[in-house]
Amino acid sequence: MATVELTAENFDATVSGDGLILVDFWAEWCGPCRMFGPIFEKLSERHPDATFGKLDTEAEPEWRPASRSPPSRR
């Protein structure tokens, strides 16, 4: 199964479904997000039993406060 584009309208219905659900919160300006995108897509193809969703935090402004800074390494 390919990734599902998540929006404010379909988020709750998608994440409340059965089975394993993975969500990638991403933004176009985020370099690590863009590097991870193809990996996430390939995983979705290899694991059709799971739901893989991508939420663009720039297109969905209500999600921005939860994802203001890019990922960091420790």
N, C-alpha and C. Protein backbone atom coordinates (compact mmCIF):
# COMPACT_ATOMS: atom_id res chain seq x y z
N MET A 1 0.85 -1.19 0.00
CA MET A 1 0.00 0.00 0.00
C MET A 1 0.89 1.24 0.00
N ALA A 2 0.57 2.18 -0.82
CA ALA A 2 1.31 3.45 -0.84
C ALA A 2 0.91 4.27 0.37
N THR A 3 1.64 5.34 0.59
CA THR A 3 1.33 6.19 1.72
C THR A 3 0.02 6.94 1.49
N VAL A 4 -0.63 7.29 2.58
CA VAL A 4 -1.89 8.03 2.54
C VAL A 4 -1.56 9.49 2.88
N GLU A 5 -2.06 10.42 2.09
CA GLU A 5 -1.87 11.83 2.40
C GLU A 5 -2.86 12.21 3.49
N LEU A 6 -2.34 12.60 4.63
CA LEU A 6 -3.19 12.95 5.77
C LEU A 6 -3.48 14.44 5.77
N THR A 7 -4.71 14.77 6.12
CA THR A 7 -5.15 16.16 6.25
C THR A 7 -5.94 16.26 7.55
N ALA A 8 -6.33 17.47 7.90
CA ALA A 8 -7.15 17.65 9.09
C ALA A 8 -8.47 16.90 8.96
N GLU A 9 -8.95 16.77 7.72
CA GLU A 9 -10.24 16.11 7.49
C GLU A 9 -10.18 14.59 7.65
N ASN A 10 -9.08 13.96 7.27
CA ASN A 10 -9.03 12.49 7.33
C ASN A 10 -8.11 11.93 8.41
N PHE A 11 -7.45 12.78 9.17
CA PHE A 11 -6.47 12.31 10.15
C PHE A 11 -7.10 11.38 11.19
N ASP A 12 -8.14 11.83 11.88
CA ASP A 12 -8.74 11.03 12.95
C ASP A 12 -9.25 9.68 12.44
N ALA A 13 -9.91 9.68 11.31
CA ALA A 13 -10.44 8.44 10.75
C ALA A 13 -9.31 7.48 10.39
N THR A 14 -8.21 8.03 9.88
CA THR A 14 -7.09 7.18 9.47
C THR A 14 -6.36 6.60 10.68
N VAL A 15 -6.03 7.42 11.65
CA VAL A 15 -5.25 6.92 12.78
C VAL A 15 -6.07 6.11 13.77
N SER A 16 -7.39 6.15 13.69
CA SER A 16 -8.21 5.35 14.59
C SER A 16 -8.56 4.00 13.98
N GLY A 17 -7.98 3.71 12.82
CA GLY A 17 -8.22 2.42 12.16
C GLY A 17 -7.52 1.29 12.88
N ASP A 18 -7.76 0.09 12.42
CA ASP A 18 -7.14 -1.10 13.00
C ASP A 18 -5.73 -1.28 12.48
N GLY A 19 -4.93 -2.01 13.25
CA GLY A 19 -3.59 -2.37 12.82
C GLY A 19 -2.56 -1.31 13.11
N LEU A 20 -1.37 -1.56 12.58
CA LEU A 20 -0.24 -0.67 12.77
C LEU A 20 -0.39 0.56 11.89
N ILE A 21 -0.22 1.74 12.49
CA ILE A 21 -0.35 3.00 11.77
C ILE A 21 0.88 3.84 12.07
N LEU A 22 1.60 4.25 11.03
CA LEU A 22 2.79 5.08 11.16
C LEU A 22 2.54 6.40 10.46
N VAL A 23 2.89 7.50 11.13
CA VAL A 23 2.65 8.83 10.56
C VAL A 23 3.97 9.58 10.46
N ASP A 24 4.23 10.13 9.29
CA ASP A 24 5.40 10.96 9.03
C ASP A 24 4.92 12.41 8.97
N PHE A 25 5.28 13.19 9.99
CA PHE A 25 5.00 14.63 9.99
C PHE A 25 6.19 15.29 9.30
N TRP A 26 5.95 15.95 8.17
CA TRP A 26 7.06 16.49 7.39
C TRP A 26 6.76 17.90 6.90
N ALA A 27 7.81 18.57 6.42
CA ALA A 27 7.67 19.90 5.81
C ALA A 27 8.69 19.99 4.67
N GLU A 28 8.33 20.70 3.63
CA GLU A 28 9.20 20.84 2.46
C GLU A 28 10.55 21.46 2.81
N TRP A 29 10.58 22.39 3.76
CA TRP A 29 11.80 23.08 4.13
C TRP A 29 12.74 22.22 4.97
N CYS A 30 12.28 21.08 5.44
CA CYS A 30 13.06 20.24 6.35
C CYS A 30 13.89 19.22 5.56
N GLY A 31 15.19 19.43 5.51
CA GLY A 31 16.09 18.55 4.78
C GLY A 31 16.00 17.09 5.23
N PRO A 32 16.09 16.82 6.54
CA PRO A 32 15.97 15.43 7.00
C PRO A 32 14.62 14.80 6.63
N CYS A 33 13.57 15.61 6.63
CA CYS A 33 12.24 15.10 6.24
C CYS A 33 12.24 14.66 4.78
N ARG A 34 12.85 15.47 3.92
CA ARG A 34 12.91 15.14 2.50
C ARG A 34 13.77 13.91 2.25
N MET A 35 14.82 13.73 3.04
CA MET A 35 15.67 12.55 2.89
C MET A 35 14.94 11.29 3.35
N PHE A 36 14.13 11.41 4.37
CA PHE A 36 13.42 10.26 4.92
C PHE A 36 12.21 9.85 4.08
N GLY A 37 11.65 10.78 3.32
CA GLY A 37 10.44 10.53 2.53
C GLY A 37 10.50 9.29 1.64
N PRO A 38 11.54 9.13 0.81
CA PRO A 38 11.61 7.95 -0.04
C PRO A 38 11.74 6.64 0.75
N ILE A 39 12.39 6.69 1.88
CA ILE A 39 12.51 5.51 2.74
C ILE A 39 11.14 5.12 3.28
N PHE A 40 10.40 6.10 3.74
CA PHE A 40 9.05 5.87 4.27
C PHE A 40 8.15 5.27 3.18
N GLU A 41 8.27 5.80 1.96
CA GLU A 41 7.47 5.30 0.85
C GLU A 41 7.81 3.84 0.53
N LYS A 42 9.09 3.50 0.49
CA LYS A 42 9.50 2.12 0.22
C LYS A 42 9.01 1.17 1.31
N LEU A 43 9.09 1.62 2.55
CA LEU A 43 8.58 0.79 3.66
C LEU A 43 7.09 0.54 3.51
N SER A 44 6.35 1.54 3.05
CA SER A 44 4.91 1.36 2.87
C SER A 44 4.61 0.32 1.81
N GLU A 45 5.45 0.23 0.80
CA GLU A 45 5.27 -0.77 -0.25
C GLU A 45 5.64 -2.17 0.24
N ARG A 46 6.62 -2.26 1.13
CA ARG A 46 7.07 -3.55 1.64
C ARG A 46 6.17 -4.10 2.75
N HIS A 47 5.37 -3.23 3.36
CA HIS A 47 4.52 -3.64 4.48
C HIS A 47 3.07 -3.22 4.22
N PRO A 48 2.39 -3.90 3.29
CA PRO A 48 1.02 -3.51 2.94
C PRO A 48 0.01 -3.75 4.05
N ASP A 49 0.40 -4.48 5.09
CA ASP A 49 -0.50 -4.73 6.21
C ASP A 49 -0.56 -3.56 7.18
N ALA A 50 0.33 -2.60 7.04
CA ALA A 50 0.35 -1.42 7.91
C ALA A 50 -0.14 -0.20 7.13
N THR A 51 -0.60 0.81 7.86
CA THR A 51 -1.03 2.07 7.24
C THR A 51 0.09 3.09 7.45
N PHE A 52 0.55 3.69 6.36
CA PHE A 52 1.59 4.71 6.39
C PHE A 52 0.96 6.02 5.94
N GLY A 53 0.99 7.02 6.82
CA GLY A 53 0.42 8.32 6.48
C GLY A 53 1.45 9.41 6.54
N LYS A 54 1.32 10.38 5.64
CA LYS A 54 2.21 11.54 5.63
C LYS A 54 1.37 12.79 5.83
N LEU A 55 1.80 13.63 6.76
CA LEU A 55 1.08 14.87 7.03
C LEU A 55 2.04 16.04 6.80
N ASP A 56 1.73 16.86 5.82
CA ASP A 56 2.53 18.05 5.49
C ASP A 56 2.15 19.15 6.47
N THR A 57 3.05 19.47 7.38
CA THR A 57 2.74 20.46 8.42
C THR A 57 2.62 21.87 7.87
N GLU A 58 3.15 22.12 6.68
CA GLU A 58 2.98 23.44 6.06
C GLU A 58 1.60 23.58 5.44
N ALA A 59 1.06 22.50 4.91
CA ALA A 59 -0.27 22.53 4.31
C ALA A 59 -1.37 22.44 5.35
N GLU A 60 -1.02 21.94 6.53
CA GLU A 60 -1.99 21.78 7.63
C GLU A 60 -1.51 22.62 8.83
N PRO A 61 -1.79 23.92 8.82
CA PRO A 61 -1.25 24.83 9.84
C PRO A 61 -1.58 24.46 11.28
N GLU A 62 -2.70 23.77 11.50
CA GLU A 62 -3.04 23.42 12.88
C GLU A 62 -2.06 22.42 13.49
N TRP A 63 -1.23 21.79 12.65
CA TRP A 63 -0.24 20.83 13.14
C TRP A 63 1.12 21.46 13.35
N ARG A 64 1.34 22.68 12.96
CA ARG A 64 2.65 23.32 13.08
C ARG A 64 3.17 23.44 14.51
N PRO A 65 2.37 23.82 15.48
CA PRO A 65 2.93 23.93 16.85
C PRO A 65 3.55 22.63 17.36
N ALA A 66 3.07 21.50 16.90
CA ALA A 66 3.60 20.21 17.35
C ALA A 66 4.90 19.85 16.63
N SER A 67 5.24 20.58 15.60
CA SER A 67 6.40 20.20 14.81
C SER A 67 7.19 21.41 14.33
N ARG A 68 7.50 22.31 15.22
CA ARG A 68 8.17 23.56 14.84
C ARG A 68 9.62 23.40 14.43
N SER A 69 10.34 22.53 15.09
CA SER A 69 11.76 22.43 14.79
C SER A 69 12.07 21.14 14.07
N PRO A 70 13.14 21.15 13.27
CA PRO A 70 13.51 19.92 12.58
C PRO A 70 14.04 18.89 13.56
N PRO A 71 14.05 17.64 13.17
CA PRO A 71 14.57 16.60 14.07
C PRO A 71 16.01 16.87 14.43
N SER A 72 16.40 16.43 15.60
CA SER A 72 17.79 16.60 16.03
C SER A 72 18.39 15.25 16.36
N ARG A 73 19.71 15.20 16.30
CA ARG A 73 20.42 13.98 16.68
C ARG A 73 21.09 14.20 18.02
N ARG A 74 21.09 13.16 18.79
CA ARG A 74 21.78 13.22 20.09
C ARG A 74 22.79 12.13 20.17
